[in-house]
Protein backbone atom coordinates (compact mmCIF):
# COMPACT_ATOMS: atom_id res chain seq x y z
CA MET A 1 -36.66 -33.41 -51.25
CA ALA A 2 -33.65 -35.61 -50.39
CA GLY A 3 -33.73 -34.56 -46.76
CA ARG A 4 -37.49 -34.92 -46.40
CA VAL A 5 -37.98 -38.14 -48.37
CA PHE A 6 -34.81 -40.10 -47.80
CA HIS A 7 -32.69 -39.03 -44.88
CA ALA A 8 -35.07 -37.77 -42.20
CA PRO A 9 -37.44 -40.78 -42.27
CA LEU A 10 -34.54 -43.24 -42.29
CA ILE A 11 -32.60 -41.57 -39.48
CA SER A 12 -35.82 -41.39 -37.43
CA SER A 13 -36.37 -45.11 -37.97
CA VAL A 14 -32.99 -46.39 -36.75
CA ASP A 15 -32.40 -47.07 -33.06
CA GLY A 16 -29.36 -45.24 -31.75
CA LEU A 17 -29.68 -42.27 -34.10
CA GLU A 18 -31.49 -39.04 -33.30
CA LEU A 19 -32.70 -36.54 -35.86
CA ALA A 20 -31.62 -33.53 -33.84
CA ALA A 21 -31.49 -30.52 -36.14
CA VAL A 22 -32.17 -29.37 -39.69
CA VAL A 23 -30.90 -26.38 -41.66
CA GLU A 24 -33.97 -24.72 -43.18
CA ARG A 25 -33.40 -21.16 -44.30
CA ASN A 26 -36.86 -19.61 -44.34
CA SER A 27 -39.50 -22.02 -43.01
CA ASN A 28 -40.14 -24.61 -40.29
CA HIS A 29 -41.54 -27.52 -42.27
CA ALA A 30 -39.09 -30.02 -40.77
CA ALA A 31 -40.06 -29.10 -37.21
CA GLU A 32 -43.73 -29.53 -38.11
CA ARG A 33 -42.99 -33.10 -39.22
CA TYR A 34 -40.55 -33.81 -36.38
CA PRO A 35 -41.59 -31.85 -33.25
CA GLY A 36 -38.72 -31.20 -30.89
CA ILE A 37 -35.93 -30.84 -33.43
CA THR A 38 -33.90 -27.65 -33.73
CA THR A 39 -34.17 -25.55 -36.89
CA TYR A 40 -31.06 -23.65 -37.89
CA ARG A 41 -31.01 -20.98 -40.57
CA SER A 42 -27.46 -21.60 -41.77
CA VAL A 43 -24.82 -24.31 -41.98
CA ASP A 44 -22.56 -22.21 -39.75
CA GLU A 45 -25.18 -22.27 -36.97
CA LEU A 46 -25.51 -26.04 -37.26
CA LEU A 47 -21.77 -26.66 -37.18
CA ALA A 48 -21.45 -24.52 -34.05
CA ASP A 49 -23.66 -27.02 -32.19
CA ALA A 50 -21.20 -29.26 -30.35
CA SER A 51 -23.87 -31.89 -29.70
CA ILE A 52 -24.15 -32.70 -33.42
CA LYS A 53 -21.84 -35.58 -34.34
CA LEU A 54 -23.06 -36.42 -37.84
CA VAL A 55 -24.04 -33.97 -40.58
CA VAL A 56 -26.03 -35.15 -43.60
CA VAL A 57 -25.48 -33.11 -46.77
CA ALA A 58 -28.66 -33.34 -48.88
CA THR A 59 -28.35 -30.21 -50.98
CA PRO A 60 -27.92 -29.58 -54.74
CA ASN A 61 -24.96 -31.43 -56.23
CA SER A 62 -22.56 -28.52 -56.65
CA SER A 63 -22.78 -27.68 -52.93
CA HIS A 64 -21.98 -31.19 -51.69
CA PHE A 65 -18.21 -30.72 -51.70
CA PRO A 66 -17.97 -27.30 -50.01
CA ILE A 67 -20.51 -28.15 -47.30
CA ALA A 68 -18.98 -31.57 -46.60
CA LEU A 69 -15.55 -29.96 -46.47
CA GLN A 70 -16.82 -27.34 -44.03
CA ALA A 71 -18.41 -30.01 -41.82
CA LEU A 72 -15.26 -32.12 -41.75
CA GLU A 73 -13.20 -29.06 -40.89
CA ALA A 74 -15.58 -28.60 -37.94
CA ALA A 75 -14.67 -32.16 -36.83
CA LYS A 76 -18.06 -33.62 -37.75
CA SER A 77 -18.61 -36.91 -39.55
CA VAL A 78 -20.65 -36.58 -42.73
CA VAL A 79 -23.04 -38.50 -44.93
CA VAL A 80 -23.09 -36.94 -48.39
CA ASP A 81 -25.88 -37.55 -50.88
CA LYS A 82 -24.86 -38.72 -54.32
CA PRO A 83 -22.84 -37.62 -56.12
CA MET A 84 -20.47 -36.98 -53.23
CA ALA A 85 -18.83 -34.27 -55.37
CA LEU A 86 -18.78 -33.20 -58.99
CA LYS A 87 -15.15 -34.32 -59.46
CA SER A 88 -13.29 -37.42 -58.32
CA GLU A 89 -10.41 -35.26 -57.08
CA GLU A 90 -12.81 -33.49 -54.70
CA ILE A 91 -13.94 -36.86 -53.32
CA ALA A 92 -10.30 -37.79 -52.76
CA GLN A 93 -9.81 -34.53 -50.88
CA LEU A 94 -12.79 -35.23 -48.61
CA ALA A 95 -11.61 -38.78 -47.97
CA GLY A 96 -8.12 -37.60 -47.12
CA LEU A 97 -9.38 -34.97 -44.69
CA ALA A 98 -11.77 -37.40 -42.99
CA GLY A 99 -9.01 -39.96 -42.54
CA GLY A 100 -6.65 -37.36 -41.17
CA ILE A 101 -9.03 -36.23 -38.43
CA LYS A 102 -10.46 -39.72 -37.73
CA SER A 103 -13.95 -38.74 -38.87
CA HIS A 104 -16.21 -40.53 -41.33
CA CYS A 105 -17.12 -39.36 -44.82
CA ILE A 106 -19.82 -41.71 -46.11
CA PRO A 107 -21.52 -41.49 -49.54
CA PHE A 108 -25.27 -42.10 -49.61
CA HIS A 109 -25.38 -44.90 -52.16
CA ASN A 110 -28.69 -46.16 -50.84
CA ARG A 111 -29.65 -48.16 -53.91
CA ARG A 112 -27.39 -50.95 -52.78
CA TRP A 113 -30.42 -51.72 -50.58
CA ASP A 114 -32.99 -51.70 -53.40
CA ASN A 115 -35.11 -54.85 -53.41
CA ASP A 116 -34.16 -55.83 -56.96
CA PHE A 117 -30.44 -55.22 -56.44
CA LEU A 118 -30.39 -57.34 -53.27
CA THR A 119 -32.20 -60.09 -55.18
CA ILE A 120 -29.71 -59.95 -58.05
CA HIS A 121 -26.78 -60.04 -55.64
CA GLN A 122 -28.15 -63.27 -54.17
CA LEU A 123 -28.97 -64.68 -57.61
CA LEU A 124 -25.45 -64.10 -58.91
CA ASN A 125 -23.96 -65.72 -55.82
CA GLU A 126 -26.00 -68.84 -56.62
CA ARG A 127 -24.45 -68.94 -60.12
CA SER A 128 -27.70 -70.33 -61.56
CA LEU A 129 -27.20 -68.52 -64.90
CA GLY A 130 -23.76 -70.00 -65.56
CA ARG A 131 -20.98 -67.92 -67.07
CA LEU A 132 -22.24 -64.35 -67.36
CA VAL A 133 -21.94 -62.60 -70.71
CA HIS A 134 -23.92 -59.39 -70.26
CA PHE A 135 -25.58 -57.36 -67.52
CA GLU A 136 -28.07 -54.60 -68.40
CA SER A 137 -29.38 -52.01 -65.95
CA ASN A 138 -31.96 -49.41 -67.03
CA PHE A 139 -33.56 -46.58 -65.08
CA ASP A 140 -36.28 -45.23 -67.35
CA ARG A 141 -38.80 -42.54 -66.44
CA TRP A 142 -41.37 -40.39 -68.21
CA ARG A 143 -40.62 -36.76 -67.36
CA PRO A 144 -40.96 -34.76 -70.58
CA GLY A 145 -41.30 -31.46 -68.73
CA LEU A 146 -38.63 -29.59 -66.82
CA SER A 147 -37.89 -30.62 -63.25
CA SER A 148 -39.81 -28.85 -60.50
CA ARG A 149 -36.44 -28.47 -58.78
CA ALA A 150 -34.84 -25.75 -60.87
CA TRP A 151 -31.29 -26.65 -59.91
CA LYS A 152 -31.61 -29.97 -61.71
CA GLU A 153 -31.91 -28.07 -65.01
CA ASP A 154 -28.54 -26.37 -64.44
CA ALA A 155 -25.81 -27.92 -66.58
CA ASP A 156 -23.31 -27.24 -63.80
CA GLU A 157 -25.10 -29.75 -61.55
CA GLY A 158 -24.09 -32.74 -63.68
CA GLY A 159 -27.42 -33.76 -65.23
CA LEU A 160 -28.83 -37.27 -65.26
CA LEU A 161 -25.38 -38.83 -65.62
CA LEU A 162 -24.31 -37.77 -62.13
CA ASP A 163 -27.82 -38.12 -60.68
CA ILE A 164 -28.90 -41.62 -61.70
CA GLY A 165 -25.59 -42.63 -63.26
CA THR A 166 -23.88 -42.60 -59.87
CA HIS A 167 -26.33 -45.21 -58.59
CA LEU A 168 -26.13 -47.45 -61.64
CA VAL A 169 -22.34 -47.37 -61.79
CA ASP A 170 -22.03 -47.99 -58.06
CA GLN A 171 -24.29 -51.03 -58.32
CA ALA A 172 -22.29 -52.42 -61.24
CA LEU A 173 -18.95 -51.88 -59.49
CA THR A 174 -20.31 -53.52 -56.34
CA LEU A 175 -21.29 -56.61 -58.32
CA PHE A 176 -18.44 -56.90 -60.83
CA GLY A 177 -15.53 -54.70 -59.75
CA GLU A 178 -13.44 -52.32 -61.83
CA PRO A 179 -13.79 -52.47 -65.63
CA ALA A 180 -10.97 -52.36 -68.14
CA ALA A 181 -12.60 -49.76 -70.39
CA VAL A 182 -15.62 -47.46 -70.57
CA GLY A 183 -17.68 -46.33 -73.55
CA ALA A 184 -20.66 -43.98 -73.49
CA GLU A 185 -23.18 -41.76 -75.20
CA VAL A 186 -24.38 -38.80 -73.14
CA GLN A 187 -26.91 -36.40 -74.64
CA ARG A 188 -29.95 -34.20 -74.16
CA GLU A 189 -33.15 -35.53 -75.70
CA ARG A 190 -35.73 -33.02 -74.44
CA LEU A 191 -36.02 -29.68 -76.20
CA GLY A 192 -34.50 -26.56 -74.73
CA GLU A 193 -31.29 -25.72 -72.95
CA GLY A 194 -30.13 -27.81 -70.05
CA PRO A 195 -27.93 -30.71 -68.98
CA ALA A 196 -27.84 -34.16 -70.55
CA ASP A 197 -30.99 -36.13 -69.75
CA SER A 198 -30.10 -39.43 -71.42
CA PHE A 199 -27.08 -41.69 -71.25
CA THR A 200 -25.80 -45.15 -72.06
CA VAL A 201 -22.59 -46.25 -70.36
CA ARG A 202 -20.86 -49.51 -71.25
CA LEU A 203 -18.30 -51.21 -69.01
CA PHE A 204 -15.94 -53.72 -70.59
CA TYR A 205 -14.06 -56.40 -68.64
CA TYR A 206 -10.98 -58.40 -69.62
CA THR A 207 -12.98 -61.64 -69.53
CA GLY A 208 -15.24 -60.44 -72.37
CA PHE A 209 -18.10 -59.78 -69.99
CA SER A 210 -19.81 -56.41 -70.46
CA VAL A 211 -22.28 -54.15 -68.65
CA THR A 212 -24.72 -51.65 -70.15
CA LEU A 213 -26.12 -48.90 -67.92
CA SER A 214 -28.79 -46.60 -69.30
CA ALA A 215 -31.26 -43.95 -68.17
CA ASN A 216 -33.48 -41.34 -69.78
CA LEU A 217 -36.53 -39.20 -69.06
CA LEU A 218 -38.57 -40.01 -72.18
CA SER A 219 -39.56 -43.65 -71.64
CA PHE A 220 -43.23 -44.07 -70.82
CA LEU A 221 -43.02 -47.80 -71.52
CA ALA A 222 -39.91 -48.71 -69.56
CA ARG A 223 -37.40 -51.37 -70.47
CA PRO A 224 -36.56 -54.06 -67.89
CA ARG A 225 -34.90 -52.58 -64.85
CA PHE A 226 -32.42 -55.46 -65.05
CA HIS A 227 -31.66 -58.05 -67.70
CA ILE A 228 -28.89 -60.58 -67.13
CA ARG A 229 -27.69 -63.02 -69.78
CA GLY A 230 -25.63 -66.08 -68.94
CA ALA A 231 -24.49 -69.24 -70.69
CA LYS A 232 -27.21 -71.23 -68.91
CA GLY A 233 -30.05 -68.75 -68.80
CA ASN A 234 -31.46 -65.25 -68.37
CA PHE A 235 -33.06 -63.11 -65.68
CA TRP A 236 -35.45 -60.16 -66.21
CA LYS A 237 -36.86 -57.73 -63.65
CA TRP A 238 -39.22 -54.82 -64.37
CA GLY A 239 -40.22 -51.90 -62.18
CA LEU A 240 -38.48 -49.73 -59.59
CA ASP A 241 -38.01 -50.37 -55.90
CA PRO A 242 -41.12 -48.96 -54.12
CA GLN A 243 -39.33 -47.41 -51.14
CA GLU A 244 -38.92 -43.91 -52.58
CA ASP A 245 -42.64 -43.56 -53.29
CA ALA A 246 -43.49 -44.89 -49.82
CA LEU A 247 -41.00 -42.58 -48.06
CA ASN A 248 -42.58 -39.61 -49.82
CA ARG A 249 -45.72 -40.16 -47.73
CA ILE A 250 -44.34 -40.81 -44.23
CA ALA A 251 -42.10 -39.29 -41.57
CA ARG A 252 -40.74 -42.58 -40.21
CA ILE A 253 -41.02 -46.26 -41.02
CA SER A 254 -43.37 -48.36 -38.90
CA ASP A 255 -44.64 -50.97 -41.41
CA PRO A 256 -43.41 -54.46 -40.39
CA HIS A 257 -43.62 -55.47 -44.06
CA TRP A 258 -41.50 -52.55 -45.25
CA GLY A 259 -39.81 -53.11 -48.59
CA GLU A 260 -41.77 -56.22 -49.51
CA GLU A 261 -42.99 -56.53 -53.09
CA PRO A 262 -46.13 -58.31 -54.37
CA SER A 263 -45.49 -61.51 -56.28
CA ALA A 264 -46.91 -59.94 -59.45
CA ASN A 265 -43.80 -57.74 -59.60
CA TRP A 266 -41.21 -60.47 -59.07
CA GLY A 267 -38.54 -61.08 -61.68
CA THR A 268 -38.38 -64.07 -64.02
CA MET A 269 -35.54 -66.51 -64.55
CA ALA A 270 -35.23 -68.93 -67.47
CA VAL A 271 -32.56 -71.65 -67.13
CA ASP A 272 -31.51 -74.50 -69.40
CA VAL A 273 -32.26 -77.81 -67.65
CA ASP A 274 -31.26 -80.90 -69.60
CA GLY A 275 -31.67 -79.13 -72.92
CA GLY A 276 -35.02 -77.49 -72.12
CA MET A 277 -35.70 -74.00 -70.79
CA VAL A 278 -37.41 -73.87 -67.41
CA THR A 279 -38.96 -70.52 -66.47
CA ARG A 280 -39.86 -69.54 -62.92
CA PRO A 281 -40.50 -66.39 -60.87
CA VAL A 282 -37.77 -65.25 -58.50
CA THR A 283 -38.96 -63.97 -55.14
CA THR A 284 -37.85 -60.37 -54.63
CA LEU A 285 -36.00 -59.83 -51.37
CA PRO A 286 -37.32 -56.93 -49.27
CA GLY A 287 -35.47 -53.68 -49.83
CA ASP A 288 -34.51 -51.62 -46.81
CA TYR A 289 -32.68 -48.29 -46.94
CA ARG A 290 -32.58 -48.28 -43.13
CA ARG A 291 -29.70 -50.72 -43.39
CA PHE A 292 -27.52 -47.89 -44.72
CA TYR A 293 -28.06 -45.84 -41.58
CA VAL A 294 -27.69 -48.89 -39.34
CA GLY A 295 -24.24 -49.19 -40.93
CA VAL A 296 -23.58 -45.49 -40.36
CA ARG A 297 -24.52 -45.83 -36.69
CA ASP A 298 -22.25 -48.85 -36.23
CA ALA A 299 -19.37 -47.07 -37.96
CA LEU A 300 -19.76 -44.04 -35.68
CA LEU A 301 -19.65 -46.39 -32.69
CA SER A 302 -16.51 -48.03 -34.15
CA ASN A 303 -18.33 -51.36 -34.36
CA ALA A 304 -18.07 -51.79 -38.15
CA GLU A 305 -16.68 -50.41 -41.37
CA PRO A 306 -18.84 -47.71 -43.04
CA PRO A 307 -21.66 -49.15 -45.19
CA VAL A 308 -20.19 -47.33 -48.22
CA LYS A 309 -16.64 -46.00 -48.41
CA ALA A 310 -15.53 -42.70 -49.91
CA SER A 311 -13.10 -44.66 -52.10
CA GLU A 312 -16.11 -46.41 -53.66
CA ALA A 313 -17.70 -43.06 -54.48
CA TRP A 314 -14.37 -42.08 -56.04
CA ARG A 315 -14.40 -45.20 -58.25
CA ALA A 316 -17.92 -44.41 -59.47
CA ALA A 317 -16.93 -40.81 -60.15
CA ARG A 318 -13.92 -41.91 -62.21
CA VAL A 319 -16.10 -44.18 -64.35
CA LEU A 320 -18.50 -41.30 -64.98
CA GLU A 321 -15.60 -39.01 -65.89
CA TRP A 322 -14.37 -41.60 -68.39
CA ALA A 323 -17.94 -41.86 -69.69
CA ARG A 324 -18.02 -38.13 -70.41
CA GLU A 325 -14.63 -38.38 -72.07
CA SER A 326 -15.84 -41.28 -74.19
CA ALA A 327 -18.97 -39.41 -75.27
CA GLU A 328 -16.94 -36.34 -76.22
CA GLN A 329 -14.23 -38.25 -78.10
CA LYS A 330 -16.58 -40.94 -79.51
CA ARG A 331 -14.28 -43.77 -78.51
CA ASP A 332 -13.83 -46.22 -75.66
CA ILE A 333 -11.58 -45.05 -72.83
CA GLU A 334 -9.13 -47.38 -71.11
CA CYS A 335 -9.44 -47.32 -67.33
CA VAL A 336 -6.28 -46.55 -65.41
CA TRP A 337 -6.98 -47.23 -61.75
CA ASN A 338 -4.45 -45.16 -59.86
CA GLY A 339 -4.81 -42.55 -57.13
CA ILE A 340 -7.59 -44.42 -55.30
CA PRO A 341 -8.04 -42.69 -51.91
CA GLU A 342 -7.72 -44.72 -48.73
């Protein structure tokens, strides 16, 4: 799904990149959608193709590290879907190898280009809400049944914490930087065996500011996607960025209004003005995941830094490791930020 919905349409929609080949073990679905591409039956066959400069790893989580490692050892640059690896030490190993051979190892943290996140980034830069006291980010869905992708129900794949948690933590770190401590509850709410499918992660900062990140699969009536509280006002935003649903129906992006959101879905800001609260809608900026691959292209051409760095994936992985530790020990965990890969 990741290759079909996210990577292939985006790569095909960015000038300067060519979707050249896909590893598909038993079928030719990719070639039917993208006539002219090469279909390989194994990673080894793909890596033997000297014309391929960038390999995108969009496989189940536990295979990200070994495949990315194999690609780097073949002197390819790589984009690795989230989580880049199951352990922060594996991410550090990939980053070290990429740096040593002058290749790129870029995590696919595409939700930095969600419409709501871009809007919040701009809103916080404007400082309209005054001194921030709390930031809440929720990713609620209603999926009471087991996933149609069987690997997602394997506890060894990391569960919802590594799936959605990587995105939420990365967004929070992008906005606010490294926390001083992490607290969390991580649990399974649906019946039956399987990985955790619900979590709440709290990030604590020395200033007293805090962040709450939460996701589960049993919320039919979702909470706000974002809720920000400041000394001068609040901001609320409901709903999820529409790009994933749209990408599920197309092979490449051609809509000139891509990523735009109807005004009915805009967020709401309430700010204290001369002792009275003034409420107004906040126009949602267009989201655009293509910007990730524009950044990848420019990095490969040595025209820019990568759009996301492996060290940033490492930071998110460390926070999630501390979250698991917190949930197991039922206490907050102090963050010790050492060993960050270059």
